[in-house]
Protein backbone atom coordinates (compact mmCIF):
# COMPACT_ATOMS: atom_id res chain seq x y z
CA MET A 1 -21.53 7.72 6.41
CA ALA A 2 -18.56 5.36 6.05
CA ASN A 3 -15.14 6.88 5.51
CA GLU A 4 -13.15 6.31 2.33
CA MET A 5 -10.89 3.28 2.59
CA ILE A 6 -7.73 2.34 0.73
CA TYR A 7 -6.85 -1.34 0.84
CA SER A 8 -3.40 -2.52 -0.13
CA VAL A 9 -2.27 -6.06 -0.80
CA TYR A 10 1.35 -7.07 -1.11
CA ILE A 11 1.74 -10.30 -3.07
CA GLY A 12 4.74 -12.21 -1.83
CA ASN A 13 7.06 -14.29 -3.96
CA THR A 14 7.04 -18.06 -3.73
CA ASP A 15 9.04 -18.02 -0.48
CA GLU A 16 7.42 -15.12 1.38
CA LYS A 17 4.09 -14.19 2.92
CA SER A 18 1.47 -11.84 1.49
CA CYS A 19 -0.40 -9.19 3.44
CA LEU A 20 -3.59 -7.12 3.18
CA CYS A 21 -3.87 -3.84 5.07
CA SER A 22 -6.27 -0.91 5.11
CA LEU A 23 -5.83 2.83 5.40
CA GLU A 24 -8.97 4.67 6.47
CA LYS A 25 -9.30 8.36 5.58
CA LEU A 26 -10.50 10.05 8.74
CA PRO A 27 -12.90 13.02 8.56
CA SER A 28 -11.11 16.30 7.90
CA ALA A 29 -12.29 19.89 8.00
CA SER A 30 -9.61 20.99 5.55
CA ASN A 31 -8.67 19.98 2.02
CA THR A 32 -5.01 20.53 2.85
CA LYS A 33 -4.86 18.35 5.96
CA GLN A 34 -5.64 14.65 6.12
CA ALA A 35 -5.35 11.94 8.76
CA TYR A 36 -5.44 8.19 8.21
CA LYS A 37 -5.88 5.10 10.36
CA ILE A 38 -3.84 2.01 9.49
CA GLU A 39 -4.70 -1.61 10.15
CA ASP A 40 -3.32 -4.88 8.86
CA ILE A 41 -6.24 -7.17 8.15
CA ALA A 42 -4.96 -10.45 6.77
CA ASP A 43 -1.67 -12.34 6.77
CA PHE A 44 -1.43 -14.97 4.04
CA SER A 45 0.97 -17.85 4.50
CA VAL A 46 3.68 -18.81 2.03
CA GLU A 47 1.56 -21.83 1.07
CA ALA A 48 -1.46 -19.71 0.07
CA ASP A 49 -1.93 -19.72 -3.71
CA TYR A 50 -2.61 -16.50 -5.60
CA PRO A 51 -6.24 -17.25 -6.59
CA ARG A 52 -7.10 -17.96 -2.95
CA ILE A 53 -5.46 -14.71 -1.81
CA ALA A 54 -7.40 -12.79 -4.44
CA ILE A 55 -10.75 -14.37 -3.52
CA GLN A 56 -10.25 -13.75 0.21
CA THR A 57 -9.08 -10.17 -0.39
CA ILE A 58 -12.08 -9.32 -2.56
CA ASP A 59 -14.49 -10.95 -0.10
CA ILE A 60 -13.06 -8.87 2.76
CA ILE A 61 -13.16 -5.60 0.85
CA LYS A 62 -16.67 -6.09 -0.51
CA LYS A 63 -18.01 -6.17 3.04
CA TYR A 64 -17.06 -2.51 3.46
CA SER A 65 -19.97 -0.29 2.46
CA GLY A 66 -18.12 2.97 1.82
CA THR A 67 -15.93 4.16 -1.05
CA LYS A 68 -12.97 1.85 -1.41
CA TYR A 69 -9.90 1.30 -3.55
CA LEU A 70 -7.46 -1.58 -3.82
CA VAL A 71 -3.74 -1.12 -4.44
CA VAL A 72 -1.98 -4.27 -5.65
CA ASP A 73 1.80 -4.43 -5.28
CA GLN A 74 2.66 -6.62 -8.25
CA THR A 75 6.43 -6.15 -8.04
CA ASN A 76 7.15 -9.85 -7.62
CA VAL A 77 4.34 -11.39 -9.61
CA GLY A 78 3.36 -9.34 -12.67
CA THR A 79 0.08 -8.46 -14.33
CA SER A 80 -1.29 -11.99 -14.60
CA VAL A 81 -1.64 -12.16 -10.81
CA THR A 82 -3.04 -8.63 -10.62
CA ASP A 83 -5.74 -9.73 -13.05
CA LEU A 84 -7.03 -12.13 -10.37
CA PHE A 85 -8.07 -9.12 -8.25
CA LEU A 86 -10.11 -7.39 -10.95
CA ASN A 87 -13.83 -7.27 -10.27
CA ASP A 88 -16.84 -5.12 -11.05
CA SER A 89 -17.14 -3.28 -7.75
CA ILE A 90 -13.66 -2.40 -6.43
CA PRO A 91 -11.39 0.04 -8.31
CA VAL A 92 -7.90 -1.46 -8.58
CA GLN A 93 -4.56 0.33 -9.00
CA PRO A 94 -1.40 -1.77 -9.53
CA ILE A 95 2.01 -0.52 -8.43
CA ILE A 96 5.55 -1.78 -8.94
CA ALA A 97 8.40 -0.83 -6.61
CA VAL A 98 11.47 0.20 -8.64
CA ASN A 99 15.01 1.42 -8.04
CA SER A 100 14.58 4.36 -10.42
CA PRO A 101 14.35 7.80 -8.76
CA LEU A 102 11.45 8.84 -11.04
CA LEU A 103 7.79 7.98 -10.73
CA SER A 104 6.46 6.62 -14.01
CA GLN A 105 3.52 4.67 -15.32
CA TYR A 106 3.57 1.66 -17.61
CA GLU A 107 0.55 -0.30 -18.80
CA GLY A 108 -1.53 1.25 -16.05
CA ALA A 109 0.81 0.38 -13.17
CA PHE A 110 2.60 3.09 -11.21
CA MET A 111 6.35 2.46 -11.14
CA VAL A 112 7.06 3.85 -7.67
CA PRO A 113 10.64 4.49 -6.45
CA LYS A 114 11.30 2.30 -3.42
CA ILE A 115 12.72 5.22 -1.50
CA ASP A 116 9.50 7.16 -2.08
CA LEU A 117 7.50 4.34 -0.53
CA PHE A 118 9.67 4.51 2.58
CA ASN A 119 9.93 8.26 2.83
CA ASN A 120 6.21 8.83 2.40
CA MET A 121 5.40 6.25 5.06
CA LEU A 122 7.90 7.74 7.51
CA ILE A 123 6.72 11.30 6.93
CA LEU A 124 3.16 10.32 7.74
CA MET A 125 4.29 8.49 10.85
CA GLU A 126 6.34 11.45 12.04
CA GLU A 127 3.50 13.90 11.46
CA THR A 128 1.04 11.96 13.61
CA ASN A 129 1.59 14.04 16.73
CA LYS A 130 2.01 17.42 15.05
CA SER A 131 -1.04 19.66 15.16
CA GLN A 132 -0.09 21.42 11.92
CA SER A 133 0.60 18.25 9.96
CA VAL A 134 -0.60 17.92 6.39
CA ALA A 135 -1.28 14.23 6.88
CA SER A 136 -0.76 11.65 9.58
CA VAL A 137 -1.26 7.98 10.38
CA HIS A 138 -3.08 6.73 13.45
CA GLU A 139 -2.80 3.14 14.58
CA SER A 140 -5.84 0.93 14.94
CA PRO A 141 -6.10 -0.86 18.31
CA ARG A 142 -6.26 -4.14 16.39
CA LEU A 143 -2.82 -4.02 14.80
CA SER A 144 -0.82 -7.23 14.74
CA SER A 145 2.16 -7.48 17.05
CA GLU A 146 4.44 -7.60 13.98
CA LEU A 147 3.18 -4.28 12.58
CA ILE A 148 3.30 -2.64 16.01
CA GLN A 149 6.93 -3.71 16.39
CA LEU A 150 7.77 -2.52 12.88
CA LEU A 151 6.32 0.92 13.61
CA VAL A 152 8.28 1.09 16.87
CA ASP A 153 11.50 0.07 15.12
CA LEU A 154 11.02 2.57 12.30
CA ARG A 155 10.32 5.41 14.69
CA THR A 156 13.20 4.69 17.03
CA ASP A 157 15.95 3.26 14.82
CA ARG A 158 15.24 4.11 11.20
CA LYS A 159 18.90 4.53 10.23
CA THR A 160 19.44 0.86 10.99
CA VAL A 161 16.08 -0.62 10.07
CA ILE A 162 15.55 0.99 6.65
CA PRO A 163 18.83 -0.16 5.04
CA ARG A 164 18.19 -3.65 6.39
CA LEU A 165 14.68 -3.67 4.94
CA LEU A 166 15.90 -2.42 1.57
CA SER A 167 18.79 -4.88 1.43
CA ARG A 168 18.20 -8.30 -0.05
CA GLU A 169 20.99 -9.61 2.16
CA ASN A 170 18.97 -9.32 5.36
CA LYS A 171 16.68 -12.29 5.09
CA ASP A 172 16.11 -12.32 8.87
CA LEU A 173 14.37 -8.95 8.95
CA SER A 174 12.69 -9.36 5.58
CA ALA A 175 11.09 -12.63 6.62
CA ILE A 176 9.40 -10.90 9.55
CA TYR A 177 8.51 -7.52 8.10
CA ASN A 178 8.70 -7.45 4.32
CA HIS A 179 5.10 -8.33 3.48
CA ILE A 180 3.75 -6.02 6.20
CA TYR A 181 5.78 -2.89 5.49
CA ARG A 182 5.28 -3.22 1.73
CA ALA A 183 1.49 -3.36 2.08
CA PHE A 184 1.58 -0.49 4.60
CA ALA A 185 3.92 1.64 2.51
CA ALA A 186 1.90 1.15 -0.69
CA ALA A 187 -1.33 2.19 1.06
CA CYS A 188 0.32 5.33 2.48
CA TRP A 189 1.87 6.25 -0.86
CA TYR A 190 -1.35 5.85 -2.81
CA ALA A 191 -3.43 7.73 -0.24
CA GLU A 192 -1.10 10.69 -0.48
CA TYR A 193 -0.95 10.46 -4.27
CA GLN A 194 -4.72 10.66 -4.38
CA ARG A 195 -4.73 13.62 -1.99
CA LYS A 196 -2.22 15.53 -4.11
CA ASN A 197 -3.84 14.49 -7.41
CA PRO A 198 -7.61 14.65 -6.77
CA LEU A 199 -8.50 14.05 -10.42
CA HIS A 200 -6.67 10.73 -10.50
CA LYS A 201 -8.75 7.59 -10.99
CA PRO A 202 -7.49 4.00 -10.58
CA VAL A 203 -6.65 2.35 -13.88
CA TYR A 204 -9.22 -0.40 -13.29
CA ASN A 205 -12.65 0.93 -12.37
CA SER A 206 -14.06 -2.34 -13.66
CA ILE A 207 -12.70 -5.15 -15.79
CA THR A 208 -11.31 -3.09 -18.65
CA GLY A 209 -8.31 -3.13 -20.91
CA MET A 210 -5.35 -0.78 -20.63
CA SER A 211 -3.56 1.19 -23.28
CA ARG A 212 0.14 0.46 -23.61
CA ASN A 213 1.86 3.75 -22.97
CA VAL A 214 4.59 5.13 -20.77
CA VAL A 215 4.30 8.37 -18.81
CA VAL A 216 7.13 9.79 -16.71
CA PHE A 217 6.33 12.26 -13.94
CA LYS A 218 8.96 14.84 -13.03
CA ASP A 219 8.97 17.51 -10.34
């Protein structure tokens, strides 16, 4: 039986790449402990238009026979681009990275604090080699050299790398990593959100409308 898979696509702005990655939920004997395997699947060039990215993403995901979800980071592009990914067989959950410290939901999209995306990703990476970890990330042998280097940099020099990734001033690092870490971070965040909120269902289970409401989640 195929494992559950979370796909995540980061849609770049007009001057940056887009990226599709997957996070496979590995078999677990406990409901309180989960391991994942990460892989970046597709790197879309700056020239790739949004409809083409959506078609290629859906075609890739449909080939997987197990349970699957798609997270769309629509921070730079809005709902009109997210609509291109809606289909009748893949549940879709949009997210938007925000500077606010609170997780909220607006028109179906999770408004996720940027720092939560980073922290969640780093926690999973750190827990990989701990036997008592709640969750962990394992690297696929087919990772791109860019994602491998990003993981190495984050693990060895996070105090330098994270501020540079978060800063809009560092175009050098963002041009190399931004699309990859955003897709990776969104997949990790959503996987853990699902684990902690088992009753949650993606806002789009098929092509449906959304109610316009705002929900704020507090600890």
